[in-house]
Amino acid sequence: MTTVEDIEKAVTKLTPEQLARFRAWFEDYDARLFDEKIERDAKAGKLDKLADDAIRAHRKGLARDL
């Protein structure tokens, strides 16, 4: 399998059990990639402005309880 189309075809041929196993693997894989990107962005300072804005809003009493 070298293309997205090949992968799509293969996925359609999976049994329900195999699809569930693949889905669980892919969700974990995708979450790891997302976490790694957030980590890189944080280290690069790309999230600093968002954090500063949130802290400023909290200090002004504009934050809401979750």
PDB file of N, CA and C in Angstrom:
ATOM      1  N   MET A   1       0.847  -1.185   0.000  1.00  0.00           N
ATOM      2  CA  MET A   1       0.000   0.000   0.000  1.00  0.00           C
ATOM      3  C   MET A   1       0.891   1.247   0.000  1.00  0.00           C
ATOM      4  N   THR A   2       0.743   2.037  -1.005  1.00  0.00           N
ATOM      5  CA  THR A   2       1.574   3.231  -1.077  1.00  0.00           C
ATOM      6  C   THR A   2       0.752   4.492  -1.238  1.00  0.00           C
ATOM      7  N   THR A   3      -0.543   4.376  -1.430  1.00  0.00           N
ATOM      8  CA  THR A   3      -1.352   5.575  -1.624  1.00  0.00           C
ATOM      9  C   THR A   3      -2.548   5.552  -0.687  1.00  0.00           C
ATOM     10  N   VAL A   4      -3.129   6.706  -0.521  1.00  0.00           N
ATOM     11  CA  VAL A   4      -4.321   6.821   0.317  1.00  0.00           C
ATOM     12  C   VAL A   4      -5.432   5.939  -0.244  1.00  0.00           C
ATOM     13  N   GLU A   5      -5.546   5.903  -1.564  1.00  0.00           N
ATOM     14  CA  GLU A   5      -6.591   5.084  -2.176  1.00  0.00           C
ATOM     15  C   GLU A   5      -6.411   3.607  -1.848  1.00  0.00           C
ATOM     16  N   ASP A   6      -5.163   3.138  -1.846  1.00  0.00           N
ATOM     17  CA  ASP A   6      -4.888   1.744  -1.479  1.00  0.00           C
ATOM     18  C   ASP A   6      -5.280   1.476  -0.028  1.00  0.00           C
ATOM     19  N   ILE A   7      -4.972   2.410   0.828  1.00  0.00           N
ATOM     20  CA  ILE A   7      -5.311   2.261   2.248  1.00  0.00           C
ATOM     21  C   ILE A   7      -6.825   2.249   2.418  1.00  0.00           C
ATOM     22  N   GLU A   8      -7.516   3.148   1.725  1.00  0.00           N
ATOM     23  CA  GLU A   8      -8.980   3.190   1.809  1.00  0.00           C
ATOM     24  C   GLU A   8      -9.589   1.863   1.372  1.00  0.00           C
ATOM     25  N   LYS A   9      -9.088   1.307   0.277  1.00  0.00           N
ATOM     26  CA  LYS A   9      -9.601   0.018  -0.205  1.00  0.00           C
ATOM     27  C   LYS A   9      -9.363  -1.075   0.827  1.00  0.00           C
ATOM     28  N   ALA A  10      -8.177  -1.091   1.400  1.00  0.00           N
ATOM     29  CA  ALA A  10      -7.855  -2.114   2.398  1.00  0.00           C
ATOM     30  C   ALA A  10      -8.759  -1.996   3.616  1.00  0.00           C
ATOM     31  N   VAL A  11      -9.030  -0.777   4.044  1.00  0.00           N
ATOM     32  CA  VAL A  11      -9.881  -0.566   5.221  1.00  0.00           C
ATOM     33  C   VAL A  11     -11.293  -1.084   4.959  1.00  0.00           C
ATOM     34  N   THR A  12     -11.794  -0.895   3.747  1.00  0.00           N
ATOM     35  CA  THR A  12     -13.159  -1.364   3.452  1.00  0.00           C
ATOM     36  C   THR A  12     -13.262  -2.877   3.493  1.00  0.00           C
ATOM     37  N   LYS A  13     -12.135  -3.576   3.410  1.00  0.00           N
ATOM     38  CA  LYS A  13     -12.146  -5.041   3.411  1.00  0.00           C
ATOM     39  C   LYS A  13     -11.948  -5.638   4.799  1.00  0.00           C
ATOM     40  N   LEU A  14     -11.744  -4.797   5.801  1.00  0.00           N
ATOM     41  CA  LEU A  14     -11.531  -5.296   7.155  1.00  0.00           C
ATOM     42  C   LEU A  14     -12.822  -5.845   7.739  1.00  0.00           C
ATOM     43  N   THR A  15     -12.681  -6.870   8.559  1.00  0.00           N
ATOM     44  CA  THR A  15     -13.834  -7.370   9.316  1.00  0.00           C
ATOM     45  C   THR A  15     -14.179  -6.340  10.390  1.00  0.00           C
ATOM     46  N   PRO A  16     -15.363  -6.423  10.972  1.00  0.00           N
ATOM     47  CA  PRO A  16     -15.695  -5.473  12.044  1.00  0.00           C
ATOM     48  C   PRO A  16     -14.679  -5.488  13.183  1.00  0.00           C
ATOM     49  N   GLU A  17     -14.170  -6.666  13.519  1.00  0.00           N
ATOM     50  CA  GLU A  17     -13.188  -6.756  14.597  1.00  0.00           C
ATOM     51  C   GLU A  17     -11.865  -6.094  14.190  1.00  0.00           C
ATOM     52  N   GLN A  18     -11.448  -6.345  12.963  1.00  0.00           N
ATOM     53  CA  GLN A  18     -10.218  -5.723  12.484  1.00  0.00           C
ATOM     54  C   GLN A  18     -10.372  -4.211  12.384  1.00  0.00           C
ATOM     55  N   LEU A  19     -11.542  -3.770  11.940  1.00  0.00           N
ATOM     56  CA  LEU A  19     -11.787  -2.331  11.840  1.00  0.00           C
ATOM     57  C   LEU A  19     -11.741  -1.683  13.222  1.00  0.00           C
ATOM     58  N   ALA A  20     -12.317  -2.332  14.212  1.00  0.00           N
ATOM     59  CA  ALA A  20     -12.278  -1.797  15.582  1.00  0.00           C
ATOM     60  C   ALA A  20     -10.831  -1.705  16.073  1.00  0.00           C
ATOM     61  N   ARG A  21     -10.041  -2.740  15.781  1.00  0.00           N
ATOM     62  CA  ARG A  21      -8.629  -2.739  16.188  1.00  0.00           C
ATOM     63  C   ARG A  21      -7.864  -1.639  15.462  1.00  0.00           C
ATOM     64  N   PHE A  22      -8.100  -1.478  14.150  1.00  0.00           N
ATOM     65  CA  PHE A  22      -7.450  -0.430  13.381  1.00  0.00           C
ATOM     66  C   PHE A  22      -7.858   0.944  13.888  1.00  0.00           C
ATOM     67  N   ARG A  23      -9.146   1.126  14.147  1.00  0.00           N
ATOM     68  CA  ARG A  23      -9.647   2.419  14.629  1.00  0.00           C
ATOM     69  C   ARG A  23      -8.975   2.791  15.947  1.00  0.00           C
ATOM     70  N   ALA A  24      -8.874   1.837  16.857  1.00  0.00           N
ATOM     71  CA  ALA A  24      -8.234   2.101  18.145  1.00  0.00           C
ATOM     72  C   ALA A  24      -6.767   2.471  17.945  1.00  0.00           C
ATOM     73  N   TRP A  25      -6.074   1.736  17.060  1.00  0.00           N
ATOM     74  CA  TRP A  25      -4.677   2.049  16.779  1.00  0.00           C
ATOM     75  C   TRP A  25      -4.552   3.449  16.187  1.00  0.00           C
ATOM     76  N   PHE A  26      -5.398   3.766  15.204  1.00  0.00           N
ATOM     77  CA  PHE A  26      -5.290   5.057  14.529  1.00  0.00           C
ATOM     78  C   PHE A  26      -5.600   6.207  15.478  1.00  0.00           C
ATOM     79  N   GLU A  27      -6.602   6.039  16.328  1.00  0.00           N
ATOM     80  CA  GLU A  27      -6.921   7.097  17.297  1.00  0.00           C
ATOM     81  C   GLU A  27      -5.731   7.351  18.213  1.00  0.00           C
ATOM     82  N   ASP A  28      -5.087   6.290  18.666  1.00  0.00           N
ATOM     83  CA  ASP A  28      -3.916   6.433  19.529  1.00  0.00           C
ATOM     84  C   ASP A  28      -2.769   7.101  18.769  1.00  0.00           C
ATOM     85  N   TYR A  29      -2.541   6.660  17.558  1.00  0.00           N
ATOM     86  CA  TYR A  29      -1.482   7.225  16.709  1.00  0.00           C
ATOM     87  C   TYR A  29      -1.735   8.709  16.455  1.00  0.00           C
ATOM     88  N   ASP A  30      -2.943   9.050  16.080  1.00  0.00           N
ATOM     89  CA  ASP A  30      -3.294  10.439  15.789  1.00  0.00           C
ATOM     90  C   ASP A  30      -3.158  11.313  17.041  1.00  0.00           C
ATOM     91  N   ALA A  31      -3.571  10.783  18.187  1.00  0.00           N
ATOM     92  CA  ALA A  31      -3.450  11.533  19.442  1.00  0.00           C
ATOM     93  C   ALA A  31      -1.984  11.782  19.789  1.00  0.00           C
ATOM     94  N   ARG A  32      -1.129  10.776  19.558  1.00  0.00           N
ATOM     95  CA  ARG A  32       0.309  10.949  19.823  1.00  0.00           C
ATOM     96  C   ARG A  32       0.896  12.037  18.939  1.00  0.00           C
ATOM     97  N   LEU A  33       0.538  12.026  17.658  1.00  0.00           N
ATOM     98  CA  LEU A  33       1.036  13.060  16.749  1.00  0.00           C
ATOM     99  C   LEU A  33       0.576  14.443  17.199  1.00  0.00           C
ATOM    100  N   PHE A  34      -0.689  14.548  17.606  1.00  0.00           N
ATOM    101  CA  PHE A  34      -1.230  15.823  18.076  1.00  0.00           C
ATOM    102  C   PHE A  34      -0.473  16.296  19.316  1.00  0.00           C
ATOM    103  N   ASP A  35      -0.273  15.400  20.260  1.00  0.00           N
ATOM    104  CA  ASP A  35       0.453  15.748  21.486  1.00  0.00           C
ATOM    105  C   ASP A  35       1.872  16.215  21.178  1.00  0.00           C
ATOM    106  N   GLU A  36       2.524  15.532  20.238  1.00  0.00           N
ATOM    107  CA  GLU A  36       3.891  15.924  19.864  1.00  0.00           C
ATOM    108  C   GLU A  36       3.902  17.315  19.232  1.00  0.00           C
ATOM    109  N   LYS A  37       2.909  17.617  18.409  1.00  0.00           N
ATOM    110  CA  LYS A  37       2.840  18.940  17.781  1.00  0.00           C
ATOM    111  C   LYS A  37       2.585  20.024  18.832  1.00  0.00           C
ATOM    112  N   ILE A  38       1.686  19.773  19.759  1.00  0.00           N
ATOM    113  CA  ILE A  38       1.425  20.742  20.826  1.00  0.00           C
ATOM    114  C   ILE A  38       2.705  20.983  21.623  1.00  0.00           C
ATOM    115  N   GLU A  39       3.418  19.908  21.916  1.00  0.00           N
ATOM    116  CA  GLU A  39       4.683  20.033  22.663  1.00  0.00           C
ATOM    117  C   GLU A  39       5.691  20.895  21.896  1.00  0.00           C
ATOM    118  N   ARG A  40       5.841  20.634  20.590  1.00  0.00           N
ATOM    119  CA  ARG A  40       6.768  21.434  19.776  1.00  0.00           C
ATOM    120  C   ARG A  40       6.333  22.894  19.733  1.00  0.00           C
ATOM    121  N   ASP A  41       5.026  23.118  19.544  1.00  0.00           N
ATOM    122  CA  ASP A  41       4.512  24.488  19.486  1.00  0.00           C
ATOM    123  C   ASP A  41       4.732  25.215  20.810  1.00  0.00           C
ATOM    124  N   ALA A  42       4.517  24.509  21.920  1.00  0.00           N
ATOM    125  CA  ALA A  42       4.720  25.123  23.233  1.00  0.00           C
ATOM    126  C   ALA A  42       6.192  25.489  23.436  1.00  0.00           C
ATOM    127  N   LYS A  43       7.080  24.570  23.083  1.00  0.00           N
ATOM    128  CA  LYS A  43       8.513  24.839  23.238  1.00  0.00           C
ATOM    129  C   LYS A  43       8.972  25.983  22.342  1.00  0.00           C
ATOM    130  N   ALA A  44       8.315  26.130  21.190  1.00  0.00           N
ATOM    131  CA  ALA A  44       8.686  27.193  20.244  1.00  0.00           C
ATOM    132  C   ALA A  44       8.031  28.526  20.593  1.00  0.00           C
ATOM    133  N   GLY A  45       7.208  28.536  21.640  1.00  0.00           N
ATOM    134  CA  GLY A  45       6.578  29.784  22.062  1.00  0.00           C
ATOM    135  C   GLY A  45       5.329  30.150  21.282  1.00  0.00           C
ATOM    136  N   LYS A  46       4.849  29.234  20.452  1.00  0.00           N
ATOM    137  CA  LYS A  46       3.687  29.535  19.618  1.00  0.00           C
ATOM    138  C   LYS A  46       2.386  29.655  20.408  1.00  0.00           C
ATOM    139  N   LEU A  47       2.389  29.169  21.646  1.00  0.00           N
ATOM    140  CA  LEU A  47       1.174  29.210  22.469  1.00  0.00           C
ATOM    141  C   LEU A  47       1.227  30.309  23.529  1.00  0.00           C
ATOM    142  N   ASP A  48       2.345  31.026  23.587  1.00  0.00           N
ATOM    143  CA  ASP A  48       2.526  32.032  24.627  1.00  0.00           C
ATOM    144  C   ASP A  48       1.443  33.113  24.596  1.00  0.00           C
ATOM    145  N   LYS A  49       1.109  33.606  23.423  1.00  0.00           N
ATOM    146  CA  LYS A  49       0.109  34.667  23.329  1.00  0.00           C
ATOM    147  C   LYS A  49      -1.252  34.165  23.811  1.00  0.00           C
ATOM    148  N   LEU A  50      -1.605  32.949  23.451  1.00  0.00           N
ATOM    149  CA  LEU A  50      -2.878  32.393  23.912  1.00  0.00           C
ATOM    150  C   LEU A  50      -2.899  32.265  25.432  1.00  0.00           C
ATOM    151  N   ALA A  51      -1.802  31.803  25.995  1.00  0.00           N
ATOM    152  CA  ALA A  51      -1.718  31.666  27.443  1.00  0.00           C
ATOM    153  C   ALA A  51      -1.786  33.037  28.119  1.00  0.00           C
ATOM    154  N   ASP A  52      -1.068  33.995  27.571  1.00  0.00           N
ATOM    155  CA  ASP A  52      -1.103  35.350  28.139  1.00  0.00           C
ATOM    156  C   ASP A  52      -2.510  35.940  28.082  1.00  0.00           C
ATOM    157  N   ASP A  53      -3.193  35.745  26.953  1.00  0.00           N
ATOM    158  CA  ASP A  53      -4.567  36.243  26.815  1.00  0.00           C
ATOM    159  C   ASP A  53      -5.493  35.599  27.834  1.00  0.00           C
ATOM    160  N   ALA A  54      -5.325  34.307  28.042  1.00  0.00           N
ATOM    161  CA  ALA A  54      -6.168  33.587  29.002  1.00  0.00           C
ATOM    162  C   ALA A  54      -5.909  34.069  30.422  1.00  0.00           C
ATOM    163  N   ILE A  55      -4.652  34.262  30.779  1.00  0.00           N
ATOM    164  CA  ILE A  55      -4.310  34.752  32.116  1.00  0.00           C
ATOM    165  C   ILE A  55      -4.864  36.156  32.313  1.00  0.00           C
ATOM    166  N   ARG A  56      -4.725  36.993  31.310  1.00  0.00           N
ATOM    167  CA  ARG A  56      -5.244  38.365  31.387  1.00  0.00           C
ATOM    168  C   ARG A  56      -6.771  38.351  31.572  1.00  0.00           C
ATOM    169  N   ALA A  57      -7.452  37.534  30.822  1.00  0.00           N
ATOM    170  CA  ALA A  57      -8.914  37.438  30.941  1.00  0.00           C
ATOM    171  C   ALA A  57      -9.306  36.931  32.326  1.00  0.00           C
ATOM    172  N   HIS A  58      -8.564  35.964  32.844  1.00  0.00           N
ATOM    173  CA  HIS A  58      -8.852  35.430  34.184  1.00  0.00           C
ATOM    174  C   HIS A  58      -8.681  36.518  35.246  1.00  0.00           C
ATOM    175  N   ARG A  59      -7.617  37.269  35.138  1.00  0.00           N
ATOM    176  CA  ARG A  59      -7.356  38.333  36.120  1.00  0.00           C
ATOM    177  C   ARG A  59      -8.418  39.425  36.069  1.00  0.00           C
ATOM    178  N   LYS A  60      -9.012  39.637  34.904  1.00  0.00           N
ATOM    179  CA  LYS A  60     -10.089  40.614  34.751  1.00  0.00           C
ATOM    180  C   LYS A  60     -11.446  40.056  35.176  1.00  0.00           C
ATOM    181  N   GLY A  61     -11.460  38.815  35.593  1.00  0.00           N
ATOM    182  CA  GLY A  61     -12.712  38.191  36.017  1.00  0.00           C
ATOM    183  C   GLY A  61     -13.576  37.726  34.848  1.00  0.00           C
ATOM    184  N   LEU A  62     -12.981  37.551  33.679  1.00  0.00           N
ATOM    185  CA  LEU A  62     -13.741  37.156  32.497  1.00  0.00           C
ATOM    186  C   LEU A  62     -13.743  35.642  32.284  1.00  0.00           C
ATOM    187  N   ALA A  63     -13.048  34.913  33.135  1.00  0.00           N
ATOM    188  CA  ALA A  63     -12.995  33.466  32.986  1.00  0.00           C
ATOM    189  C   ALA A  63     -14.259  32.825  33.548  1.00  0.00           C
ATOM    190  N   ARG A  64     -14.596  31.694  33.000  1.00  0.00           N
ATOM    191  CA  ARG A  64     -15.774  30.933  33.463  1.00  0.00           C
ATOM    192  C   ARG A  64     -15.325  29.619  34.096  1.00  0.00           C
ATOM    193  N   ASP A  65     -16.057  29.165  35.092  1.00  0.00           N
ATOM    194  CA  ASP A  65     -15.780  27.860  35.675  1.00  0.00           C
ATOM    195  C   ASP A  65     -16.111  26.783  34.661  1.00  0.00           C
ATOM    196  N   LEU A  66     -15.286  25.744  34.656  1.00  0.00           N
ATOM    197  CA  LEU A  66     -15.563  24.607  33.771  1.00  0.00           C
ATOM    198  C   LEU A  66     -16.418  23.587  34.460  1.00  0.00           C
TER     199      LEU A  66
END
